[in-house]
Structure formats: structure tokens, C-alpha cells
Amino acid sequence: MRIGVVSDTHNRLPNVQRIVALFNAAGVERVIHTGDVTQARTIHAFASLHVPLIGVFGNNDEREPLAAAAAEHGFAFHDGPLHLTLAGRRIVVVHDPRELAAVRADEHDLALHGHDHRYAAEREHGRLRFNPGECAGHMAGHNAVGVVDLTTLEVELLKF
């Protein structure tokens, strides 16, 4: 199973349209957003995804309108940490990487976060901590989202 990972879209609707196209073309089976969608209109832009979207709230999110828009499209957003099991992999999703300090490392195979807009793909004891980095920026070619293969925990960065 391959999942798409995106963070910190911050209402950059042209970028979200590109992100949706990238994930649809990549054939991911689910997309996980690690927070800072910000407003409901961005959730509406994600409605063109061919797969479910799930995520956590970030520090800049307007929670009630965002949650309502997510529910309208069959998506779900939660307070972090969010614990999931997909394809036999235990996944924890947070917005701020500092939140991972409160999560036992041995309780997950994959930790996803955002917040700092910096790419991170760190491995330790067979586990992966991943942040796809910047995707709300204005500079073409410096924005990215990620695809994680849950079988191998290999990461593919999709730049745009």
C-alpha cells in the first residue's frame, strides 16, 4: 500500500490542485495530511482526490469549519496524536514534531509530522519519521509532497 503525505498547505489553492493531481497520478490508496490546512475552502479543493483523506489539526487550522468540510467530503480530521494501522503498519500522525516526544517510539513503525516545513526522512530501529517539507511556498520546484510505501517504508518525494 502506498500513501500520500502532505503538510502545511496553508490555503495555497493552486498548490493544492497540483497536489491532488500528483497524488491521483501516483495511485496512492490514501492521503494523510499532517495539519495546517487552515480553512475549509482548502478541504473543498482536496475533494478531487480519488482516495480518502485523513489528517490531524495544526496550530493554524480553523477547526470547526474544517471538520465540517471534511465530513461533507467523507474525510476526517482529528486532534493529534492520531494512531492508525494501515497495511499492517502502525502509524502515528502529529502536526508539530515536538508532539512525538509524548509517543513511545516502539508503538509505531511510521511517524508523520509537519509544522516546520522542512523535509525529514529519518530512520531508527526500523522505524521512519517523515515530513515531506514545504508545499505551500510560492517557488515552483521547491514544493513537495511524499509517497510512502508501507511495505518497505521507502519514501518518494514528489516536487512541483
C-alpha atoms as a PDB file:
ATOM      1  CA  MET A   1       0.000   0.000   0.000  1.00  0.00           C
ATOM      2  CA  ARG A   2       1.243   3.452  -0.934  1.00  0.00           C
ATOM      3  CA  ILE A   3       0.048   6.517   0.940  1.00  0.00           C
ATOM      4  CA  GLY A   4       0.367  10.187   0.123  1.00  0.00           C
ATOM      5  CA  VAL A   5       1.653  12.522   2.823  1.00  0.00           C
ATOM      6  CA  VAL A   6       1.115  16.287   2.775  1.00  0.00           C
ATOM      7  CA  SER A   7       1.503  19.028   5.334  1.00  0.00           C
ATOM      8  CA  ASP A   8       1.078  22.745   5.808  1.00  0.00           C
ATOM      9  CA  THR A   9      -0.949  23.592   2.710  1.00  0.00           C
ATOM     10  CA  HIS A  10      -1.995  26.930   4.295  1.00  0.00           C
ATOM     11  CA  ASN A  11      -4.759  27.708   1.771  1.00  0.00           C
ATOM     12  CA  ARG A  12      -2.455  27.759  -1.254  1.00  0.00           C
ATOM     13  CA  LEU A  13      -5.240  26.561  -3.564  1.00  0.00           C
ATOM     14  CA  PRO A  14      -3.140  26.441  -6.770  1.00  0.00           C
ATOM     15  CA  ASN A  15      -0.677  24.191  -4.928  1.00  0.00           C
ATOM     16  CA  VAL A  16      -3.471  22.008  -3.545  1.00  0.00           C
ATOM     17  CA  GLN A  17      -4.798  21.493  -7.077  1.00  0.00           C
ATOM     18  CA  ARG A  18      -1.304  20.382  -8.141  1.00  0.00           C
ATOM     19  CA  ILE A  19      -1.003  18.130  -5.063  1.00  0.00           C
ATOM     20  CA  VAL A  20      -4.316  16.430  -5.856  1.00  0.00           C
ATOM     21  CA  ALA A  21      -3.170  15.804  -9.433  1.00  0.00           C
ATOM     22  CA  LEU A  22       0.165  14.380  -8.211  1.00  0.00           C
ATOM     23  CA  PHE A  23      -1.464  12.001  -5.732  1.00  0.00           C
ATOM     24  CA  ASN A  24      -4.110  10.886  -8.233  1.00  0.00           C
ATOM     25  CA  ALA A  25      -1.398  10.186 -10.827  1.00  0.00           C
ATOM     26  CA  ALA A  26       0.772   8.359  -8.252  1.00  0.00           C
ATOM     27  CA  GLY A  27      -2.046   5.922  -7.489  1.00  0.00           C
ATOM     28  CA  VAL A  28      -1.861   6.280  -3.715  1.00  0.00           C
ATOM     29  CA  GLU A  29      -4.548   4.490  -1.720  1.00  0.00           C
ATOM     30  CA  ARG A  30      -4.937   7.117   0.993  1.00  0.00           C
ATOM     31  CA  VAL A  31      -3.690  10.629   1.724  1.00  0.00           C
ATOM     32  CA  ILE A  32      -2.660  11.769   5.191  1.00  0.00           C
ATOM     33  CA  HIS A  33      -2.465  15.492   5.970  1.00  0.00           C
ATOM     34  CA  THR A  34      -0.314  16.406   8.955  1.00  0.00           C
ATOM     35  CA  GLY A  35      -2.040  19.695   9.666  1.00  0.00           C
ATOM     36  CA  ASP A  36      -2.280  23.376   8.834  1.00  0.00           C
ATOM     37  CA  VAL A  37      -4.861  23.057   6.103  1.00  0.00           C
ATOM     38  CA  THR A  38      -6.106  26.312   7.666  1.00  0.00           C
ATOM     39  CA  GLN A  39      -9.549  26.892   6.093  1.00  0.00           C
ATOM     40  CA  ALA A  40     -12.454  24.807   4.838  1.00  0.00           C
ATOM     41  CA  ARG A  41     -12.030  26.023   1.255  1.00  0.00           C
ATOM     42  CA  THR A  42      -8.816  24.028   1.062  1.00  0.00           C
ATOM     43  CA  ILE A  43     -10.674  20.847   2.059  1.00  0.00           C
ATOM     44  CA  HIS A  44     -13.081  21.504  -0.802  1.00  0.00           C
ATOM     45  CA  ALA A  45     -10.061  21.647  -3.150  1.00  0.00           C
ATOM     46  CA  PHE A  46      -8.958  18.225  -1.869  1.00  0.00           C
ATOM     47  CA  ALA A  47     -12.379  16.797  -2.835  1.00  0.00           C
ATOM     48  CA  SER A  48     -10.970  15.862  -6.258  1.00  0.00           C
ATOM     49  CA  LEU A  49      -8.776  13.195  -4.677  1.00  0.00           C
ATOM     50  CA  HIS A  50      -9.627   9.681  -5.846  1.00  0.00           C
ATOM     51  CA  VAL A  51      -8.933   8.300  -2.357  1.00  0.00           C
ATOM     52  CA  PRO A  52      -9.830   9.073   1.271  1.00  0.00           C
ATOM     53  CA  LEU A  53      -8.122  11.933   3.114  1.00  0.00           C
ATOM     54  CA  ILE A  54      -7.447  11.775   6.834  1.00  0.00           C
ATOM     55  CA  GLY A  55      -5.454  14.152   8.959  1.00  0.00           C
ATOM     56  CA  VAL A  56      -4.720  15.991  12.158  1.00  0.00           C
ATOM     57  CA  PHE A  57      -5.385  19.593  13.022  1.00  0.00           C
ATOM     58  CA  GLY A  58      -2.466  22.013  13.000  1.00  0.00           C
ATOM     59  CA  ASN A  59      -1.911  25.134  15.037  1.00  0.00           C
ATOM     60  CA  ASN A  60      -3.323  27.397  12.272  1.00  0.00           C
ATOM     61  CA  ASP A  61      -6.444  25.382  11.480  1.00  0.00           C
ATOM     62  CA  GLU A  62      -9.959  26.757  11.843  1.00  0.00           C
ATOM     63  CA  ARG A  63     -11.123  23.504  13.409  1.00  0.00           C
ATOM     64  CA  GLU A  64     -14.916  23.623  13.329  1.00  0.00           C
ATOM     65  CA  PRO A  65     -15.326  24.758   9.703  1.00  0.00           C
ATOM     66  CA  LEU A  66     -12.506  22.461   8.603  1.00  0.00           C
ATOM     67  CA  ALA A  67     -14.051  19.458  10.362  1.00  0.00           C
ATOM     68  CA  ALA A  68     -17.456  20.220   8.827  1.00  0.00           C
ATOM     69  CA  ALA A  69     -15.990  20.487   5.317  1.00  0.00           C
ATOM     70  CA  ALA A  70     -14.019  17.277   5.846  1.00  0.00           C
ATOM     71  CA  ALA A  71     -17.173  15.419   6.922  1.00  0.00           C
ATOM     72  CA  GLU A  72     -19.037  16.785   3.899  1.00  0.00           C
ATOM     73  CA  HIS A  73     -16.494  15.084   1.620  1.00  0.00           C
ATOM     74  CA  GLY A  74     -16.136  11.881   3.636  1.00  0.00           C
ATOM     75  CA  PHE A  75     -12.758  12.957   5.026  1.00  0.00           C
ATOM     76  CA  ALA A  76     -11.786  13.042   8.701  1.00  0.00           C
ATOM     77  CA  PHE A  77      -9.577  15.309  10.797  1.00  0.00           C
ATOM     78  CA  HIS A  78      -8.631  14.660  14.418  1.00  0.00           C
ATOM     79  CA  ASP A  79      -6.635  16.087  17.262  1.00  0.00           C
ATOM     80  CA  GLY A  80      -3.191  14.530  17.330  1.00  0.00           C
ATOM     81  CA  PRO A  81      -1.629  12.262  18.013  1.00  0.00           C
ATOM     82  CA  LEU A  82      -3.648  10.127  15.636  1.00  0.00           C
ATOM     83  CA  HIS A  83      -2.844   6.402  15.715  1.00  0.00           C
ATOM     84  CA  LEU A  84      -3.642   4.355  12.603  1.00  0.00           C
ATOM     85  CA  THR A  85      -2.894   0.884  11.334  1.00  0.00           C
ATOM     86  CA  LEU A  86      -2.677   0.563   7.561  1.00  0.00           C
ATOM     87  CA  ALA A  87      -1.318  -2.454   5.684  1.00  0.00           C
ATOM     88  CA  GLY A  88      -0.085  -3.862   8.984  1.00  0.00           C
ATOM     89  CA  ARG A  89       1.972  -0.741   9.792  1.00  0.00           C
ATOM     90  CA  ARG A  90       1.415   1.219  12.974  1.00  0.00           C
ATOM     91  CA  ILE A  91       1.359   4.914  12.125  1.00  0.00           C
ATOM     92  CA  VAL A  92       1.267   7.967  14.368  1.00  0.00           C
ATOM     93  CA  VAL A  93       0.371  11.366  12.920  1.00  0.00           C
ATOM     94  CA  VAL A  94       1.034  14.692  14.646  1.00  0.00           C
ATOM     95  CA  HIS A  95       1.393  18.239  13.429  1.00  0.00           C
ATOM     96  CA  ASP A  96       4.297  19.547  15.491  1.00  0.00           C
ATOM     97  CA  PRO A  97       7.269  17.140  15.698  1.00  0.00           C
ATOM     98  CA  ARG A  98       7.670  18.038  19.392  1.00  0.00           C
ATOM     99  CA  GLU A  99       4.422  16.106  19.974  1.00  0.00           C
ATOM    100  CA  LEU A 100       6.304  12.913  19.147  1.00  0.00           C
ATOM    101  CA  ALA A 101       8.159  13.176  22.471  1.00  0.00           C
ATOM    102  CA  ALA A 102       4.940  12.051  24.181  1.00  0.00           C
ATOM    103  CA  VAL A 103       4.616   8.970  21.944  1.00  0.00           C
ATOM    104  CA  ARG A 104       6.561   5.800  22.678  1.00  0.00           C
ATOM    105  CA  ALA A 105       8.821   5.061  19.720  1.00  0.00           C
ATOM    106  CA  ASP A 106       8.131   1.313  19.927  1.00  0.00           C
ATOM    107  CA  GLU A 107       4.399   1.922  19.406  1.00  0.00           C
ATOM    108  CA  HIS A 108       4.728   2.838  15.733  1.00  0.00           C
ATOM    109  CA  ASP A 109       6.572   1.955  12.537  1.00  0.00           C
ATOM    110  CA  LEU A 110       5.962   5.307  10.860  1.00  0.00           C
ATOM    111  CA  ALA A 111       5.706   8.766  12.418  1.00  0.00           C
ATOM    112  CA  LEU A 112       4.358  11.577  10.242  1.00  0.00           C
ATOM    113  CA  HIS A 113       4.541  15.276  11.050  1.00  0.00           C
ATOM    114  CA  GLY A 114       4.702  18.732   9.539  1.00  0.00           C
ATOM    115  CA  HIS A 115       4.770  22.190  11.130  1.00  0.00           C
ATOM    116  CA  ASP A 116       8.350  23.225  10.393  1.00  0.00           C
ATOM    117  CA  HIS A 117       8.101  22.999   6.571  1.00  0.00           C
ATOM    118  CA  ARG A 118      11.386  21.058   6.484  1.00  0.00           C
ATOM    119  CA  TYR A 119      11.934  17.744   4.754  1.00  0.00           C
ATOM    120  CA  ALA A 120      12.793  14.902   7.138  1.00  0.00           C
ATOM    121  CA  ALA A 121      13.153  11.188   6.480  1.00  0.00           C
ATOM    122  CA  GLU A 122      14.934   9.725   9.488  1.00  0.00           C
ATOM    123  CA  ARG A 123      15.268   6.040  10.224  1.00  0.00           C
ATOM    124  CA  GLU A 124      15.955   4.456  13.571  1.00  0.00           C
ATOM    125  CA  HIS A 125      15.494   0.820  14.640  1.00  0.00           C
ATOM    126  CA  GLY A 126      13.453   0.013  11.528  1.00  0.00           C
ATOM    127  CA  ARG A 127      11.116   2.959  12.057  1.00  0.00           C
ATOM    128  CA  LEU A 128      10.688   6.023   9.851  1.00  0.00           C
ATOM    129  CA  ARG A 129       9.958   9.622  10.863  1.00  0.00           C
ATOM    130  CA  PHE A 130       8.799  11.596   7.821  1.00  0.00           C
ATOM    131  CA  ASN A 131       7.862  15.162   6.915  1.00  0.00           C
ATOM    132  CA  PRO A 132       7.534  15.938   3.192  1.00  0.00           C
ATOM    133  CA  GLY A 133       8.520  19.553   3.836  1.00  0.00           C
ATOM    134  CA  GLU A 134       7.371  22.700   2.108  1.00  0.00           C
ATOM    135  CA  CYS A 135       4.290  22.577  -0.113  1.00  0.00           C
ATOM    136  CA  ALA A 136       2.662  25.960   0.463  1.00  0.00           C
ATOM    137  CA  GLY A 137       5.527  28.035  -0.898  1.00  0.00           C
ATOM    138  CA  HIS A 138       5.487  30.283  -3.898  1.00  0.00           C
ATOM    139  CA  MET A 139       8.638  28.960  -5.583  1.00  0.00           C
ATOM    140  CA  ALA A 140       7.989  26.324  -8.246  1.00  0.00           C
ATOM    141  CA  GLY A 141      10.238  23.300  -7.885  1.00  0.00           C
ATOM    142  CA  HIS A 142      10.739  23.844  -4.154  1.00  0.00           C
ATOM    143  CA  ASN A 143       7.380  22.442  -3.066  1.00  0.00           C
ATOM    144  CA  ALA A 144       6.970  18.755  -2.292  1.00  0.00           C
ATOM    145  CA  VAL A 145       4.650  16.065  -1.033  1.00  0.00           C
ATOM    146  CA  GLY A 146       5.575  12.491  -0.258  1.00  0.00           C
ATOM    147  CA  VAL A 147       4.560   8.960  -1.069  1.00  0.00           C
ATOM    148  CA  VAL A 148       5.397   6.247   1.452  1.00  0.00           C
ATOM    149  CA  ASP A 149       5.351   2.584   0.501  1.00  0.00           C
ATOM    150  CA  LEU A 150       4.068   0.877   3.637  1.00  0.00           C
ATOM    151  CA  THR A 151       5.578  -2.466   2.640  1.00  0.00           C
ATOM    152  CA  THR A 152       9.156  -1.158   2.521  1.00  0.00           C
ATOM    153  CA  LEU A 153       8.843   2.231   4.274  1.00  0.00           C
ATOM    154  CA  GLU A 154      10.589   3.729   1.259  1.00  0.00           C
ATOM    155  CA  VAL A 155       9.827   7.381   0.518  1.00  0.00           C
ATOM    156  CA  GLU A 156       9.313   9.081  -2.812  1.00  0.00           C
ATOM    157  CA  LEU A 157       9.342  12.866  -2.859  1.00  0.00           C
ATOM    158  CA  LEU A 158       7.113  14.487  -5.486  1.00  0.00           C
ATOM    159  CA  LYS A 159       8.383  18.011  -6.209  1.00  0.00           C
ATOM    160  CA  PHE A 160       6.379  20.646  -8.010  1.00  0.00           C
END
